[in-house]
Amino acid sequence: MRAATAISLSAAAILALALPGAPAAAGAAGDPGTAALQAAWRADLGRALGTELARLPGGIAVTTLERRCALLDAATGRRLWTARESDGVGGGLGVSAAGLVGVTDPPGQRLFCRDAETGRLLWRRPWTETIGAPVSNGATVFVAGLSGRVAACDGATGETLWEYRAPGLVRSRLGLAGSLLLVPTTGDTLIALATESGEVRWGAAPGGALYGPPLEQGGRLYTLSGAGALRALDAVSGERLAGRDLPGFFRSGLAGGSPLVAVSTGGRVFALRAEDLAVLWERDCDQAAEIEPRVHGGLVWIGLRDGRVLGLDASSGEARYELRVTAPVRAPILADASGVFVGAGGGEVVAYRWLAPPGDARPSGACARRAPPQTPGQRPRGGEAHFRWGCLTLASADLDAAAPAGVSGRAARPLCRTEASPPARGLSRWRWPATLAWGVCTALAFGLQDRADREYGLYLSAGSPGTRERALAASKDYDRAVIGAWLAAEVSFAVGVKAWLDSRAEGEAP
């Protein structure tokens, strides 16, 4: 027993010395004068994100499959608040006048609303399994269950105002077009309901199952079925105005306005003229894409399964930006005048900031200097990140077309392609598993020690030489097992202590 304790304590001491210390701040992310986009920060939420990032003034609201809701500061990535739910929130959050609304995953399945400034729970009510975040027109929250159950709830209290049963599964977010709530189903049906009463205004057959909400523009609704049936419908009557079929399979809706943009699951991008649905250009991304594209500032943003984020010129399809994160892109890209925000499947949100080009031109092909190397085991925190940079030279006209309003240039300059270095993850996510493993291994060690003592007692008291020999061998086997159990317990204890320290450093609630 003493030998086991000594060995286990030595192993724990060695492990403690081997574990990295508290993370330090990363160095500068590169020279901001040579690129229109610069890596700004990275926040790790611990596990796969929900399928929506919600943009608030000054903040990014996110959820995870690890039952966590959080609001991140858009400028620094710092957590403004973190809250726990009874189950994961895979669909992400929607924004209403009262706060942030979402639906927890099975088995809990609760529709809830939290205050956007503090994260305080305002109300919660039972619901059914839902794909996607609820939508809101301000005072009213609209949510649809996978089974086709649709409801309108008071945003301040959660009280049900009306309900409707759709004729098919609802595997998409709902859509809003003025006073109409649009319910896409997998049964080749699109239903338009009055937002005030839930009364059916019209129904249409969009050509197949819908996996994305309709896009409203200029009195028209544009739908894209899973089989590639693209339809333009009159928003008032649901009458079909135009249509065409696209090759491939589509698990997301349309984006943009002029042009319309669709991305197939195989990574084929189509840009179409809204008036007659004519194809303006196509591009193959050579990688699967299952989330909606986003269009902003003359750029089409596409997240791919291999972790790449492409910024394509909306007029030609030419690649202007290529960003990379360390996991498949899970949520549609958020792009606005302040920057680009990417939600990755590993639980990270990575932000890139727009930078105004310098007044003086640099020689073509110049590259931003590399960030100072990090200490092994160092992990970014507090909204800072460590990035490596590569180069892609573009003319000033290209940069002007790619940058949003207010970002322009007059001379040829390089545009750097940013790629996030694979981050050294902390141990915070292992705090509960390590604590449980320590408890189990400790209990197992005491149980094995008791069996070893019993066998040794039998060896001392038995009269038969054969029995004495078997008892002594069994006692030695149990002693070896005790040593292994104590080693495992001490390792789990050391990992658990480090994980809880990491969790506290990251500002997570226990």
Protein backbone atom coordinates (compact mmCIF):
# COMPACT_ATOMS: atom_id res chain seq x y z
CA MET A 1 0.00 0.00 0.00
CA ARG A 2 2.83 2.38 0.88
CA ALA A 3 4.60 1.56 -2.40
CA ALA A 4 1.41 2.28 -4.34
CA THR A 5 0.96 5.62 -2.61
CA ALA A 6 4.57 6.64 -3.23
CA ILE A 7 4.41 5.69 -6.89
CA SER A 8 1.10 7.50 -7.41
CA LEU A 9 2.34 10.68 -5.73
CA SER A 10 5.48 10.64 -7.88
CA ALA A 11 3.40 10.24 -11.02
CA ALA A 12 1.14 13.10 -9.99
CA ALA A 13 4.14 15.35 -9.36
CA ILE A 14 5.62 14.54 -12.75
CA LEU A 15 2.27 15.15 -14.45
CA ALA A 16 1.86 18.50 -12.68
CA LEU A 17 5.28 19.61 -13.93
CA ALA A 18 4.45 18.48 -17.45
CA LEU A 19 1.13 20.35 -17.65
CA PRO A 20 1.37 23.81 -19.18
CA GLY A 21 1.03 26.83 -16.96
CA ALA A 22 -1.59 29.53 -17.16
CA PRO A 23 -1.98 30.76 -20.72
CA ALA A 24 -0.38 34.05 -21.68
CA ALA A 25 -1.58 36.58 -24.19
CA ALA A 26 -0.68 35.87 -27.81
CA GLY A 27 1.42 38.23 -29.84
CA ALA A 28 0.21 40.66 -32.48
CA ALA A 29 -1.74 39.14 -35.32
CA GLY A 30 0.33 40.72 -38.04
CA ASP A 31 0.75 44.04 -39.79
CA PRO A 32 -2.72 45.55 -40.25
CA GLY A 33 -1.47 47.77 -43.05
CA THR A 34 -1.20 44.99 -45.62
CA ALA A 35 -4.66 43.37 -45.55
CA ALA A 36 -8.30 44.36 -45.61
CA LEU A 37 -9.13 41.61 -43.08
CA GLN A 38 -7.15 40.90 -39.93
CA ALA A 39 -7.67 38.13 -37.40
CA ALA A 40 -9.14 39.78 -34.30
CA TRP A 41 -10.04 37.17 -31.68
CA ARG A 42 -11.06 33.59 -31.02
CA ALA A 43 -13.44 32.34 -28.32
CA ASP A 44 -13.75 28.67 -27.38
CA LEU A 45 -17.17 27.64 -26.06
CA GLY A 46 -16.17 24.05 -25.42
CA ARG A 47 -18.28 21.99 -27.83
CA ALA A 48 -20.17 22.14 -31.15
CA LEU A 49 -22.03 25.40 -31.67
CA GLY A 50 -25.68 25.84 -32.51
CA THR A 51 -26.50 26.36 -36.16
CA GLU A 52 -27.12 30.11 -35.80
CA LEU A 53 -25.03 33.04 -34.58
CA ALA A 54 -27.27 35.91 -33.48
CA ARG A 55 -25.97 39.44 -34.01
CA LEU A 56 -26.78 42.05 -31.37
CA PRO A 57 -25.50 45.62 -31.04
CA GLY A 58 -21.98 45.06 -29.75
CA GLY A 59 -22.37 41.32 -29.23
CA ILE A 60 -22.58 37.84 -30.78
CA ALA A 61 -25.03 35.42 -29.12
CA VAL A 62 -24.08 31.74 -29.42
CA THR A 63 -25.22 28.36 -28.08
CA THR A 64 -23.58 24.94 -27.86
CA LEU A 65 -24.60 21.31 -27.65
CA GLU A 66 -23.03 21.41 -24.16
CA ARG A 67 -26.09 23.28 -22.77
CA ARG A 68 -24.42 26.66 -22.86
CA CYS A 69 -25.68 30.06 -24.01
CA ALA A 70 -23.28 32.98 -24.15
CA LEU A 71 -22.98 36.55 -25.37
CA LEU A 72 -19.55 37.50 -26.74
CA ASP A 73 -18.28 41.04 -27.09
CA ALA A 74 -18.05 41.66 -30.83
CA ALA A 75 -14.89 43.75 -30.47
CA THR A 76 -12.83 41.51 -28.17
CA GLY A 77 -14.53 38.11 -27.93
CA ARG A 78 -14.83 38.46 -24.13
CA ARG A 79 -17.81 36.67 -22.61
CA LEU A 80 -20.30 39.23 -21.40
CA TRP A 81 -22.40 36.49 -19.80
CA THR A 82 -22.77 32.72 -19.85
CA ALA A 83 -25.86 30.72 -18.90
CA ARG A 84 -26.68 27.02 -18.65
CA GLU A 85 -29.70 25.24 -20.09
CA SER A 86 -31.11 21.85 -19.16
CA ASP A 87 -30.12 20.47 -22.59
CA GLY A 88 -28.12 21.57 -25.62
CA VAL A 89 -29.42 24.31 -27.91
CA GLY A 90 -28.52 22.98 -31.36
CA GLY A 91 -30.69 25.42 -33.29
CA GLY A 92 -29.07 28.58 -31.96
CA LEU A 93 -30.83 31.73 -30.79
CA GLY A 94 -33.25 34.17 -32.35
CA VAL A 95 -33.63 37.84 -31.46
CA SER A 96 -36.90 39.39 -30.27
CA ALA A 97 -37.82 42.68 -28.64
CA ALA A 98 -37.87 40.95 -25.23
CA GLY A 99 -34.54 39.15 -25.55
CA LEU A 100 -32.93 36.02 -26.99
CA VAL A 101 -35.16 33.03 -27.73
CA GLY A 102 -34.24 29.41 -28.35
CA VAL A 103 -35.39 25.81 -28.01
CA THR A 104 -33.48 23.14 -26.10
CA ASP A 105 -32.83 19.75 -27.70
CA PRO A 106 -34.42 16.46 -26.57
CA PRO A 107 -35.18 15.21 -24.02
CA GLY A 108 -35.91 18.58 -22.37
CA GLN A 109 -37.41 20.45 -25.34
CA ARG A 110 -38.17 23.85 -23.81
CA LEU A 111 -38.84 27.15 -25.54
CA PHE A 112 -37.12 29.86 -23.51
CA CYS A 113 -36.29 33.55 -23.53
CA ARG A 114 -33.28 35.21 -21.87
CA ASP A 115 -32.51 38.85 -21.29
CA ALA A 116 -30.00 39.92 -23.94
CA GLU A 117 -28.00 42.14 -21.59
CA THR A 118 -27.66 39.87 -18.56
CA GLY A 119 -28.57 36.35 -19.69
CA ARG A 120 -31.26 36.16 -16.99
CA LEU A 121 -34.05 33.70 -17.76
CA LEU A 122 -37.29 35.58 -18.50
CA TRP A 123 -39.58 32.64 -19.18
CA ARG A 124 -39.60 29.00 -20.21
CA ARG A 125 -42.35 26.72 -21.48
CA PRO A 126 -42.63 23.13 -22.84
CA TRP A 127 -42.29 22.69 -26.58
CA THR A 128 -41.47 19.98 -29.16
CA GLU A 129 -38.29 19.12 -31.04
CA THR A 130 -37.27 22.00 -33.30
CA ILE A 131 -34.73 22.51 -36.08
CA GLY A 132 -33.41 26.05 -36.30
CA ALA A 133 -33.91 29.08 -34.08
CA PRO A 134 -37.28 30.81 -33.49
CA VAL A 135 -37.98 33.99 -35.46
CA SER A 136 -39.63 37.20 -34.31
CA ASN A 137 -41.23 40.31 -35.75
CA GLY A 138 -40.52 42.18 -32.53
CA ALA A 139 -43.21 41.58 -29.93
CA THR A 140 -44.21 38.08 -31.13
CA VAL A 141 -42.04 34.96 -31.29
CA PHE A 142 -42.79 32.30 -33.91
CA VAL A 143 -41.54 28.74 -33.57
CA ALA A 144 -42.18 25.48 -35.42
CA GLY A 145 -41.69 21.92 -34.20
CA LEU A 146 -40.22 19.20 -36.37
CA SER A 147 -43.63 17.46 -36.43
CA GLY A 148 -45.28 20.52 -38.04
CA ARG A 149 -46.63 22.24 -34.94
CA VAL A 150 -46.39 26.03 -35.38
CA ALA A 151 -47.07 28.57 -32.64
CA ALA A 152 -46.99 32.30 -32.04
CA CYS A 153 -46.01 33.33 -28.50
CA ASP A 154 -45.98 36.63 -26.67
CA GLY A 155 -42.33 37.67 -26.51
CA ALA A 156 -42.64 39.15 -23.01
CA THR A 157 -44.44 36.26 -21.28
CA GLY A 158 -44.24 33.20 -23.52
CA GLU A 159 -48.01 32.92 -23.58
CA THR A 160 -49.38 31.10 -26.67
CA LEU A 161 -51.31 33.43 -28.96
CA TRP A 162 -52.26 30.87 -31.61
CA GLU A 163 -51.19 27.49 -33.00
CA TYR A 164 -51.32 25.79 -36.40
CA ARG A 165 -50.54 22.26 -37.58
CA ALA A 166 -48.59 22.19 -40.88
CA PRO A 167 -49.15 19.27 -43.31
CA GLY A 168 -45.61 17.92 -43.17
CA LEU A 169 -42.32 17.99 -41.27
CA VAL A 170 -40.67 21.38 -40.73
CA ARG A 171 -36.89 20.99 -41.09
CA SER A 172 -36.10 24.66 -41.61
CA ARG A 173 -36.40 28.00 -39.91
CA LEU A 174 -39.61 29.88 -40.50
CA GLY A 175 -39.67 32.92 -42.76
CA LEU A 176 -41.24 36.37 -42.39
CA ALA A 177 -42.52 38.55 -45.22
CA GLY A 178 -44.38 41.59 -43.92
CA SER A 179 -47.55 40.37 -42.21
CA LEU A 180 -47.04 36.78 -43.38
CA LEU A 181 -45.37 33.90 -41.56
CA LEU A 182 -43.94 31.42 -44.07
CA VAL A 183 -43.86 27.76 -43.06
CA PRO A 184 -41.66 25.57 -45.33
CA THR A 185 -42.22 21.81 -45.09
CA THR A 186 -40.68 18.64 -46.46
CA GLY A 187 -44.02 17.70 -48.04
CA ASP A 188 -43.68 19.97 -51.10
CA THR A 189 -45.79 22.61 -49.38
CA LEU A 190 -45.20 26.23 -48.43
CA ILE A 191 -47.86 27.74 -46.16
CA ALA A 192 -48.36 31.48 -45.62
CA LEU A 193 -50.05 32.36 -42.32
CA ALA A 194 -51.23 35.71 -41.00
CA THR A 195 -48.87 36.70 -38.20
CA GLU A 196 -51.69 38.19 -36.11
CA SER A 197 -54.17 35.33 -36.21
CA GLY A 198 -52.49 32.24 -37.71
CA GLU A 199 -55.08 32.19 -40.51
CA VAL A 200 -53.96 30.48 -43.73
CA ARG A 201 -53.60 33.04 -46.52
CA TRP A 202 -52.33 30.72 -49.25
CA GLY A 203 -50.44 27.53 -49.97
CA ALA A 204 -48.01 26.67 -52.76
CA ALA A 205 -46.05 23.67 -54.07
CA PRO A 206 -42.38 24.75 -54.30
CA GLY A 207 -41.24 21.63 -56.14
CA GLY A 208 -40.01 19.44 -53.29
CA ALA A 209 -38.87 19.39 -49.66
CA LEU A 210 -37.62 22.72 -48.31
CA TYR A 211 -34.60 22.81 -45.98
CA GLY A 212 -34.24 26.58 -45.86
CA PRO A 213 -36.60 29.53 -45.35
CA PRO A 214 -37.97 31.43 -48.37
CA LEU A 215 -36.16 34.61 -49.35
CA GLU A 216 -38.36 37.70 -49.72
CA GLN A 217 -37.40 40.50 -52.09
CA GLY A 218 -39.40 43.12 -53.92
CA GLY A 219 -42.79 41.48 -53.42
CA ARG A 220 -41.45 38.08 -54.49
CA LEU A 221 -40.62 34.93 -52.55
CA TYR A 222 -37.78 32.70 -53.72
CA THR A 223 -37.67 29.06 -52.62
CA LEU A 224 -35.12 26.30 -53.26
CA SER A 225 -36.05 22.65 -52.70
CA GLY A 226 -33.70 19.89 -51.69
CA ALA A 227 -33.76 18.52 -55.25
CA GLY A 228 -32.78 21.90 -56.74
CA ALA A 229 -36.19 23.26 -57.80
CA LEU A 230 -35.88 27.06 -57.73
CA ARG A 231 -39.16 28.97 -57.71
CA ALA A 232 -40.21 32.62 -57.67
CA LEU A 233 -43.65 33.17 -56.09
CA ASP A 234 -45.86 36.19 -55.64
CA ALA A 235 -45.71 37.11 -51.95
CA VAL A 236 -49.36 38.19 -51.81
CA SER A 237 -51.05 35.29 -53.57
CA GLY A 238 -48.42 32.50 -53.71
CA GLU A 239 -48.77 32.35 -57.50
CA ARG A 240 -45.75 30.93 -59.33
CA LEU A 241 -43.97 33.59 -61.42
CA ALA A 242 -40.82 31.80 -62.62
CA GLY A 243 -38.82 28.66 -62.05
CA ARG A 244 -35.83 26.58 -63.04
CA ASP A 245 -34.00 23.47 -61.81
CA LEU A 246 -30.43 23.49 -60.51
CA PRO A 247 -28.20 20.38 -60.54
CA GLY A 248 -27.31 18.89 -57.18
CA PHE A 249 -28.87 18.58 -53.76
CA PHE A 250 -29.43 21.55 -51.44
CA ARG A 251 -29.70 21.49 -47.65
CA SER A 252 -29.97 25.26 -47.18
CA GLY A 253 -31.93 28.18 -48.55
CA LEU A 254 -31.05 31.06 -50.83
CA ALA A 255 -29.12 34.19 -49.92
CA GLY A 256 -28.55 37.62 -51.38
CA GLY A 257 -30.84 39.73 -53.47
CA SER A 258 -28.98 40.76 -56.57
CA PRO A 259 -27.78 38.20 -57.39
CA LEU A 260 -29.50 35.30 -55.66
CA VAL A 261 -26.97 32.75 -54.39
CA ALA A 262 -27.45 29.01 -53.85
CA VAL A 263 -24.85 26.46 -52.66
CA SER A 264 -25.28 22.71 -53.16
CA THR A 265 -24.15 20.12 -50.61
CA GLY A 266 -21.31 19.27 -52.99
CA GLY A 267 -19.98 22.82 -52.82
CA ARG A 268 -21.26 24.10 -56.17
CA VAL A 269 -22.13 27.82 -56.02
CA PHE A 270 -24.75 29.35 -58.33
CA ALA A 271 -25.42 33.07 -58.75
CA LEU A 272 -28.74 33.87 -60.42
CA ARG A 273 -30.46 37.00 -61.66
CA ALA A 274 -33.54 37.66 -59.52
CA GLU A 275 -35.73 38.84 -62.40
CA ASP A 276 -35.66 35.72 -64.59
CA LEU A 277 -33.54 33.23 -62.53
CA ALA A 278 -30.86 33.14 -65.24
CA VAL A 279 -27.50 31.77 -64.07
CA LEU A 280 -24.89 34.54 -63.99
CA TRP A 281 -21.94 32.40 -62.89
CA GLU A 282 -21.07 29.08 -61.26
CA ARG A 283 -18.13 28.03 -59.13
CA ASP A 284 -17.02 24.70 -57.65
CA CYS A 285 -15.58 24.91 -54.12
CA ASP A 286 -14.43 21.25 -54.14
CA GLN A 287 -15.84 20.72 -50.65
CA ALA A 288 -19.20 20.00 -49.05
CA ALA A 289 -21.32 22.93 -47.84
CA GLU A 290 -24.55 22.48 -45.86
CA ILE A 291 -25.15 25.94 -44.43
CA GLU A 292 -26.70 29.01 -45.99
CA PRO A 293 -24.40 31.41 -47.82
CA ARG A 294 -24.44 35.06 -46.80
CA VAL A 295 -24.08 38.13 -49.01
CA HIS A 296 -22.71 41.45 -47.75
CA GLY A 297 -20.85 44.35 -49.30
CA GLY A 298 -20.54 42.77 -52.76
CA LEU A 299 -19.17 39.52 -51.31
CA VAL A 300 -20.67 36.03 -51.05
CA TRP A 301 -19.51 34.28 -47.86
CA ILE A 302 -19.51 30.48 -47.85
CA GLY A 303 -18.48 28.16 -45.01
CA LEU A 304 -17.20 24.70 -45.95
CA ARG A 305 -16.88 21.40 -44.16
CA ASP A 306 -13.06 21.43 -44.31
CA GLY A 307 -12.91 24.63 -42.23
CA ARG A 308 -12.45 27.08 -45.10
CA VAL A 309 -14.43 30.29 -45.45
CA LEU A 310 -14.54 31.76 -48.96
CA GLY A 311 -15.35 35.35 -49.79
CA LEU A 312 -16.39 35.42 -53.46
CA ASP A 313 -17.00 38.45 -55.64
CA ALA A 314 -20.78 38.61 -56.06
CA SER A 315 -20.51 39.85 -59.64
CA SER A 316 -18.03 37.30 -60.99
CA GLY A 317 -17.55 34.45 -58.47
CA GLU A 318 -13.82 35.16 -58.24
CA ALA A 319 -12.28 34.35 -54.84
CA ARG A 320 -11.36 37.49 -52.91
CA TYR A 321 -10.77 36.03 -49.47
CA GLU A 322 -9.99 32.62 -48.06
CA LEU A 323 -10.05 32.18 -44.29
CA ARG A 324 -9.51 28.97 -42.39
CA VAL A 325 -10.61 27.74 -38.99
CA THR A 326 -9.74 24.49 -37.25
CA ALA A 327 -13.07 22.66 -37.66
CA PRO A 328 -15.95 22.47 -40.13
CA VAL A 329 -17.99 25.67 -40.36
CA ARG A 330 -21.26 24.99 -38.57
CA ALA A 331 -23.18 28.29 -38.65
CA PRO A 332 -23.84 30.73 -41.51
CA ILE A 333 -21.16 33.41 -41.65
CA LEU A 334 -21.95 36.72 -40.00
CA ALA A 335 -20.53 39.60 -42.04
CA ASP A 336 -21.15 43.29 -41.49
CA ALA A 337 -19.30 46.59 -41.55
CA SER A 338 -17.33 45.69 -38.42
CA GLY A 339 -15.98 42.31 -39.49
CA VAL A 340 -16.57 38.65 -40.31
CA PHE A 341 -17.57 36.13 -37.62
CA VAL A 342 -17.18 32.38 -38.16
CA GLY A 343 -18.72 29.64 -36.00
CA ALA A 344 -16.74 26.39 -36.18
CA GLY A 345 -17.90 22.90 -35.31
CA GLY A 346 -15.36 22.47 -32.52
CA GLY A 347 -17.01 25.14 -30.40
CA GLU A 348 -14.98 28.16 -31.58
CA VAL A 349 -16.09 31.55 -32.78
CA VAL A 350 -13.36 33.28 -34.79
CA ALA A 351 -13.59 36.96 -35.67
CA TYR A 352 -11.83 38.91 -38.42
CA ARG A 353 -11.77 42.70 -38.46
CA TRP A 354 -11.95 44.95 -41.50
CA LEU A 355 -8.94 47.26 -41.81
CA ALA A 356 -8.66 50.37 -43.97
CA PRO A 357 -5.66 50.04 -46.32
CA PRO A 358 -2.76 52.45 -45.68
CA GLY A 359 -2.30 55.57 -47.76
CA ASP A 360 1.03 54.45 -49.18
CA ALA A 361 1.26 51.52 -51.59
CA ARG A 362 3.49 48.57 -50.86
CA PRO A 363 5.31 46.58 -53.53
CA SER A 364 3.15 43.90 -55.13
CA GLY A 365 3.64 40.56 -53.40
CA ALA A 366 4.69 41.99 -50.03
CA CYS A 367 3.46 39.95 -47.11
CA ALA A 368 2.47 40.76 -43.58
CA ARG A 369 5.07 39.82 -41.01
CA ARG A 370 4.44 36.70 -39.02
CA ALA A 371 3.17 36.88 -35.48
CA PRO A 372 5.73 36.17 -32.75
CA PRO A 373 5.93 32.43 -31.99
CA GLN A 374 3.94 31.14 -29.06
CA THR A 375 5.32 29.22 -26.17
CA PRO A 376 4.48 25.50 -26.50
CA GLY A 377 1.20 24.85 -24.74
CA GLN A 378 0.24 28.51 -24.78
CA ARG A 379 -3.44 29.07 -25.46
CA PRO A 380 -5.12 32.31 -26.54
CA ARG A 381 -7.54 33.84 -24.08
CA GLY A 382 -9.24 37.12 -23.31
CA GLY A 383 -10.27 37.71 -26.93
CA GLU A 384 -6.74 37.41 -28.35
CA ALA A 385 -5.55 34.91 -30.94
CA HIS A 386 -2.41 33.68 -32.68
CA PHE A 387 -2.55 33.54 -36.48
CA ARG A 388 -0.18 32.78 -39.32
CA TRP A 389 -0.41 34.67 -42.60
CA GLY A 390 -0.04 33.81 -46.27
CA CYS A 391 -0.22 36.09 -49.30
CA LEU A 392 -2.53 36.63 -52.25
CA THR A 393 -1.88 39.69 -54.43
CA LEU A 394 -4.87 41.66 -55.70
CA ALA A 395 -5.15 44.90 -57.62
CA SER A 396 -6.76 47.94 -56.03
CA ALA A 397 -9.97 47.45 -58.05
CA ASP A 398 -10.24 43.92 -56.65
CA LEU A 399 -9.78 45.18 -53.11
CA ASP A 400 -12.34 47.93 -53.62
CA ALA A 401 -14.90 45.43 -54.89
CA ALA A 402 -14.25 43.03 -52.01
CA ALA A 403 -14.24 45.45 -49.10
CA PRO A 404 -17.42 46.84 -47.54
CA ALA A 405 -18.47 50.47 -47.66
CA GLY A 406 -15.77 52.72 -46.27
CA VAL A 407 -12.90 50.33 -47.03
CA SER A 408 -11.16 51.13 -50.29
CA GLY A 409 -7.72 51.49 -51.83
CA ARG A 410 -6.03 53.22 -54.74
CA ALA A 411 -2.89 51.23 -55.45
CA ALA A 412 -2.02 47.60 -56.06
CA ARG A 413 -1.39 45.86 -52.77
CA PRO A 414 -1.38 42.30 -51.44
CA LEU A 415 -4.41 40.85 -49.77
CA CYS A 416 -3.37 38.38 -47.11
CA ARG A 417 -5.14 35.10 -46.64
CA THR A 418 -5.51 34.41 -42.94
CA GLU A 419 -5.43 30.99 -41.43
CA ALA A 420 -5.99 30.36 -37.75
CA SER A 421 -3.23 28.26 -36.20
CA PRO A 422 -4.58 25.09 -34.58
CA PRO A 423 -5.12 26.31 -31.01
CA ALA A 424 -3.65 24.52 -28.03
CA ARG A 425 -6.84 23.60 -26.22
CA GLY A 426 -7.14 23.91 -22.46
CA LEU A 427 -8.53 21.19 -20.24
CA SER A 428 -11.66 22.99 -19.02
CA ARG A 429 -14.01 20.67 -20.86
CA TRP A 430 -12.55 17.68 -18.98
CA ARG A 431 -13.25 18.98 -15.47
CA TRP A 432 -16.32 16.82 -14.81
CA PRO A 433 -15.06 13.63 -16.55
CA ALA A 434 -11.73 13.91 -14.68
CA THR A 435 -13.50 14.44 -11.34
CA LEU A 436 -15.74 11.44 -11.99
CA ALA A 437 -12.76 9.30 -13.06
CA TRP A 438 -10.89 10.24 -9.87
CA GLY A 439 -13.84 9.17 -7.72
CA VAL A 440 -14.28 5.86 -9.56
CA CYS A 441 -10.56 5.00 -9.51
CA THR A 442 -10.27 5.86 -5.80
CA ALA A 443 -13.23 3.64 -4.92
CA LEU A 444 -11.81 0.86 -7.11
CA ALA A 445 -8.41 1.13 -5.39
CA PHE A 446 -9.96 0.75 -1.93
CA GLY A 447 -12.04 -2.22 -3.11
CA LEU A 448 -9.04 -3.97 -4.63
CA GLN A 449 -6.98 -3.32 -1.50
CA ASP A 450 -9.65 -5.01 0.61
CA ARG A 451 -9.57 -8.08 -1.65
CA ALA A 452 -5.76 -8.17 -1.46
CA ASP A 453 -5.89 -8.06 2.35
CA ARG A 454 -8.42 -10.91 2.40
CA GLU A 455 -6.29 -13.11 0.17
CA TYR A 456 -3.21 -12.42 2.26
CA GLY A 457 -5.13 -13.31 5.42
CA LEU A 458 -6.17 -16.58 3.78
CA TYR A 459 -2.52 -17.26 2.96
CA LEU A 460 -1.55 -16.81 6.61
CA SER A 461 -4.40 -18.97 8.01
CA ALA A 462 -4.81 -21.75 5.43
CA GLY A 463 -3.48 -25.19 6.31
CA SER A 464 -3.30 -26.60 2.77
CA PRO A 465 -0.09 -25.74 0.88
CA GLY A 466 -2.02 -25.50 -2.38
CA THR A 467 -4.52 -23.06 -0.90
CA ARG A 468 -1.69 -20.99 0.62
CA GLU A 469 0.08 -20.82 -2.76
CA ARG A 470 -3.08 -19.75 -4.63
CA ALA A 471 -3.94 -17.12 -1.96
CA LEU A 472 -0.43 -15.63 -2.10
CA ALA A 473 -0.52 -15.39 -5.91
CA ALA A 474 -3.96 -13.76 -5.82
CA SER A 475 -2.78 -11.30 -3.16
CA LYS A 476 0.14 -10.24 -5.36
CA ASP A 477 -2.18 -9.80 -8.38
CA TYR A 478 -4.55 -7.61 -6.36
CA ASP A 479 -1.61 -5.55 -5.07
CA ARG A 480 -0.53 -4.81 -8.65
CA ALA A 481 -4.10 -3.84 -9.54
CA VAL A 482 -4.20 -1.53 -6.52
CA ILE A 483 -1.08 0.27 -7.75
CA GLY A 484 -2.65 0.77 -11.19
CA ALA A 485 -5.90 2.07 -9.72
CA TRP A 486 -4.08 4.57 -7.51
CA LEU A 487 -1.98 5.75 -10.45
CA ALA A 488 -5.12 6.32 -12.49
CA ALA A 489 -6.77 8.12 -9.56
CA GLU A 490 -3.80 10.47 -9.09
CA VAL A 491 -3.58 11.24 -12.80
CA SER A 492 -7.34 11.96 -12.91
CA PHE A 493 -6.96 14.17 -9.84
CA ALA A 494 -4.14 16.21 -11.41
CA VAL A 495 -6.02 16.59 -14.69
CA GLY A 496 -9.17 17.57 -12.81
CA VAL A 497 -7.37 20.27 -10.82
CA LYS A 498 -5.82 21.71 -13.98
CA ALA A 499 -9.20 21.55 -15.79
CA TRP A 500 -10.98 23.44 -13.00
CA LEU A 501 -8.22 26.07 -12.97
CA ASP A 502 -8.56 26.46 -16.76
CA SER A 503 -12.32 26.76 -16.40
CA ARG A 504 -11.94 29.49 -13.80
CA ALA A 505 -9.41 31.34 -15.95
CA GLU A 506 -11.82 31.31 -18.88
CA GLY A 507 -14.59 32.75 -16.72
CA GLU A 508 -16.90 29.74 -17.04
CA ALA A 509 -19.58 29.02 -14.48
CA PRO A 510 -19.02 25.66 -12.72
